[in-house]
Amino acid sequence: MLRRALWLFVAFPVAAILVTLAVANRHPVRLVLDPFRPEAPVLSLELPFYAYLFIVLLTGVILGGVAAWATQGKWRRTARSRALEAVRWQAEADRLSREQERGAAERKTLAVAHR
């Protein structure tokens, strides 16, 4: 509950700032992608300025997520190997438990037979 309240406490001001930026920067801006002839570009894009801001923000979030995912690869690999090791140890413990039960049953049978 506290986590959700904290998220809302942060998300509302950020959303308000983004909406304010979008309203204040809604005039169209031309992005020229032709460095050789900027006065008559072959390739250009005209969008509201806030669209460029949102595109850059979204690109940063995606690149940050990919970078975090890539750096955590070592820990995911370690977790996978430890999980496999835990399964092997559990199988070994189960096998030893079955052997112990079987040995106890055999000892009980031998003790009854010797009476």
C-alpha atoms as a PDB file:
ATOM      1  CA  MET A   1       0.000   0.000   0.000  1.00  0.00           C
ATOM      2  CA  LEU A   2       2.824   2.359   0.887  1.00  0.00           C
ATOM      3  CA  ARG A   3       4.567   1.539  -2.376  1.00  0.00           C
ATOM      4  CA  ARG A   4       1.474   2.430  -4.373  1.00  0.00           C
ATOM      5  CA  ALA A   5       0.983   5.674  -2.452  1.00  0.00           C
ATOM      6  CA  LEU A   6       4.622   6.615  -3.039  1.00  0.00           C
ATOM      7  CA  TRP A   7       4.266   5.814  -6.747  1.00  0.00           C
ATOM      8  CA  LEU A   8       1.193   8.029  -6.987  1.00  0.00           C
ATOM      9  CA  PHE A   9       2.964  10.768  -5.021  1.00  0.00           C
ATOM     10  CA  VAL A  10       5.712  10.780  -7.658  1.00  0.00           C
ATOM     11  CA  ALA A  11       3.599  10.033 -10.759  1.00  0.00           C
ATOM     12  CA  PHE A  12       1.094  12.874 -10.397  1.00  0.00           C
ATOM     13  CA  PRO A  13       3.674  15.685 -10.269  1.00  0.00           C
ATOM     14  CA  VAL A  14       5.612  14.132 -13.171  1.00  0.00           C
ATOM     15  CA  ALA A  15       2.410  13.835 -15.207  1.00  0.00           C
ATOM     16  CA  ALA A  16       1.502  17.435 -14.400  1.00  0.00           C
ATOM     17  CA  ILE A  17       4.929  18.622 -15.529  1.00  0.00           C
ATOM     18  CA  LEU A  18       4.682  16.616 -18.768  1.00  0.00           C
ATOM     19  CA  VAL A  19       1.217  17.984 -19.542  1.00  0.00           C
ATOM     20  CA  THR A  20       2.434  21.522 -18.821  1.00  0.00           C
ATOM     21  CA  LEU A  21       5.388  21.015 -21.170  1.00  0.00           C
ATOM     22  CA  ALA A  22       3.089  19.643 -23.870  1.00  0.00           C
ATOM     23  CA  VAL A  23       0.733  22.619 -23.640  1.00  0.00           C
ATOM     24  CA  ALA A  24       3.530  25.183 -23.551  1.00  0.00           C
ATOM     25  CA  ASN A  25       5.449  23.612 -26.452  1.00  0.00           C
ATOM     26  CA  ARG A  26       2.737  22.674 -28.920  1.00  0.00           C
ATOM     27  CA  HIS A  27       4.016  24.788 -31.810  1.00  0.00           C
ATOM     28  CA  PRO A  28       5.443  22.806 -34.754  1.00  0.00           C
ATOM     29  CA  VAL A  29       9.197  22.451 -35.095  1.00  0.00           C
ATOM     30  CA  ARG A  30      10.991  21.150 -38.179  1.00  0.00           C
ATOM     31  CA  LEU A  31      13.724  18.579 -37.663  1.00  0.00           C
ATOM     32  CA  VAL A  32      16.014  18.657 -40.712  1.00  0.00           C
ATOM     33  CA  LEU A  33      17.795  15.379 -41.348  1.00  0.00           C
ATOM     34  CA  ASP A  34      19.676  16.596 -44.438  1.00  0.00           C
ATOM     35  CA  PRO A  35      22.977  18.218 -43.373  1.00  0.00           C
ATOM     36  CA  PHE A  36      24.017  19.133 -46.937  1.00  0.00           C
ATOM     37  CA  ARG A  37      21.015  21.274 -47.931  1.00  0.00           C
ATOM     38  CA  PRO A  38      19.287  22.581 -44.795  1.00  0.00           C
ATOM     39  CA  GLU A  39      17.462  25.330 -46.722  1.00  0.00           C
ATOM     40  CA  ALA A  40      15.742  22.755 -49.017  1.00  0.00           C
ATOM     41  CA  PRO A  41      15.923  19.459 -47.125  1.00  0.00           C
ATOM     42  CA  VAL A  42      15.137  16.167 -48.795  1.00  0.00           C
ATOM     43  CA  LEU A  43      14.400  14.566 -45.454  1.00  0.00           C
ATOM     44  CA  SER A  44      12.722  16.532 -42.680  1.00  0.00           C
ATOM     45  CA  LEU A  45      10.133  15.969 -40.008  1.00  0.00           C
ATOM     46  CA  GLU A  46       7.722  18.533 -38.597  1.00  0.00           C
ATOM     47  CA  LEU A  47       6.126  17.721 -35.254  1.00  0.00           C
ATOM     48  CA  PRO A  48       5.084  19.658 -32.164  1.00  0.00           C
ATOM     49  CA  PHE A  49       8.053  20.261 -29.883  1.00  0.00           C
ATOM     50  CA  TYR A  50       6.539  18.191 -27.046  1.00  0.00           C
ATOM     51  CA  ALA A  51       6.484  15.168 -29.384  1.00  0.00           C
ATOM     52  CA  TYR A  52      10.260  15.397 -29.691  1.00  0.00           C
ATOM     53  CA  LEU A  53      10.528  15.671 -25.906  1.00  0.00           C
ATOM     54  CA  PHE A  54       8.356  12.583 -25.401  1.00  0.00           C
ATOM     55  CA  ILE A  55      10.267  10.643 -28.064  1.00  0.00           C
ATOM     56  CA  VAL A  56      13.575  11.446 -26.372  1.00  0.00           C
ATOM     57  CA  LEU A  57      12.121  10.534 -22.953  1.00  0.00           C
ATOM     58  CA  LEU A  58      10.731   7.234 -24.247  1.00  0.00           C
ATOM     59  CA  THR A  59      14.007   6.433 -26.005  1.00  0.00           C
ATOM     60  CA  GLY A  60      15.908   7.083 -22.781  1.00  0.00           C
ATOM     61  CA  VAL A  61      13.601   4.828 -20.773  1.00  0.00           C
ATOM     62  CA  ILE A  62      13.916   2.020 -23.315  1.00  0.00           C
ATOM     63  CA  LEU A  63      17.710   2.333 -23.571  1.00  0.00           C
ATOM     64  CA  GLY A  64      17.981   2.437 -19.778  1.00  0.00           C
ATOM     65  CA  GLY A  65      15.855  -0.680 -19.457  1.00  0.00           C
ATOM     66  CA  VAL A  66      17.911  -2.519 -22.066  1.00  0.00           C
ATOM     67  CA  ALA A  67      21.144  -1.461 -20.351  1.00  0.00           C
ATOM     68  CA  ALA A  68      19.865  -2.628 -16.944  1.00  0.00           C
ATOM     69  CA  TRP A  69      18.680  -5.923 -18.430  1.00  0.00           C
ATOM     70  CA  ALA A  70      22.042  -6.476 -20.126  1.00  0.00           C
ATOM     71  CA  THR A  71      24.064  -5.777 -16.984  1.00  0.00           C
ATOM     72  CA  GLN A  72      21.910  -8.171 -14.955  1.00  0.00           C
ATOM     73  CA  GLY A  73      22.713 -11.085 -17.269  1.00  0.00           C
ATOM     74  CA  LYS A  74      25.445 -12.308 -14.933  1.00  0.00           C
ATOM     75  CA  TRP A  75      23.012 -12.472 -12.010  1.00  0.00           C
ATOM     76  CA  ARG A  76      20.308 -14.208 -14.056  1.00  0.00           C
ATOM     77  CA  ARG A  77      22.851 -16.821 -15.167  1.00  0.00           C
ATOM     78  CA  THR A  78      23.956 -17.322 -11.541  1.00  0.00           C
ATOM     79  CA  ALA A  79      20.336 -17.675 -10.408  1.00  0.00           C
ATOM     80  CA  ARG A  80      19.667 -20.284 -13.099  1.00  0.00           C
ATOM     81  CA  SER A  81      22.723 -22.328 -12.157  1.00  0.00           C
ATOM     82  CA  ARG A  82      21.884 -22.115  -8.449  1.00  0.00           C
ATOM     83  CA  ALA A  83      18.299 -23.194  -9.145  1.00  0.00           C
ATOM     84  CA  LEU A  84      19.570 -26.232 -11.066  1.00  0.00           C
ATOM     85  CA  GLU A  85      21.989 -26.983  -8.247  1.00  0.00           C
ATOM     86  CA  ALA A  86      19.139 -26.748  -5.713  1.00  0.00           C
ATOM     87  CA  VAL A  87      17.077 -29.202  -7.785  1.00  0.00           C
ATOM     88  CA  ARG A  88      20.019 -31.624  -7.874  1.00  0.00           C
ATOM     89  CA  TRP A  89      20.545 -31.333  -4.107  1.00  0.00           C
ATOM     90  CA  GLN A  90      16.823 -31.858  -3.492  1.00  0.00           C
ATOM     91  CA  ALA A  91      16.876 -34.978  -5.675  1.00  0.00           C
ATOM     92  CA  GLU A  92      19.930 -36.230  -3.765  1.00  0.00           C
ATOM     93  CA  ALA A  93      18.210 -35.580  -0.411  1.00  0.00           C
ATOM     94  CA  ASP A  94      15.091 -37.412  -1.609  1.00  0.00           C
ATOM     95  CA  ARG A  95      17.188 -40.368  -2.774  1.00  0.00           C
ATOM     96  CA  LEU A  96      19.050 -40.548   0.551  1.00  0.00           C
ATOM     97  CA  SER A  97      15.771 -40.295   2.458  1.00  0.00           C
ATOM     98  CA  ARG A  98      14.324 -43.193   0.461  1.00  0.00           C
ATOM     99  CA  GLU A  99      17.491 -45.250   1.064  1.00  0.00           C
ATOM    100  CA  GLN A 100      17.320 -44.503   4.777  1.00  0.00           C
ATOM    101  CA  GLU A 101      13.671 -45.562   4.940  1.00  0.00           C
ATOM    102  CA  ARG A 102      14.437 -48.706   2.958  1.00  0.00           C
ATOM    103  CA  GLY A 103      17.383 -49.502   5.260  1.00  0.00           C
ATOM    104  CA  ALA A 104      15.230 -48.965   8.381  1.00  0.00           C
ATOM    105  CA  ALA A 105      12.540 -51.252   6.954  1.00  0.00           C
ATOM    106  CA  GLU A 106      15.156 -53.932   6.174  1.00  0.00           C
ATOM    107  CA  ARG A 107      16.626 -53.697   9.693  1.00  0.00           C
ATOM    108  CA  LYS A 108      13.140 -54.015  11.161  1.00  0.00           C
ATOM    109  CA  THR A 109      12.474 -57.084   8.986  1.00  0.00           C
ATOM    110  CA  LEU A 110      15.777 -58.656  10.034  1.00  0.00           C
ATOM    111  CA  ALA A 111      15.091 -57.918  13.711  1.00  0.00           C
ATOM    112  CA  VAL A 112      11.676 -59.604  13.479  1.00  0.00           C
ATOM    113  CA  ALA A 113      13.155 -62.584  11.606  1.00  0.00           C
ATOM    114  CA  HIS A 114      15.837 -63.166  14.288  1.00  0.00           C
ATOM    115  CA  ARG A 115      13.325 -63.412  17.119  1.00  0.00           C
END
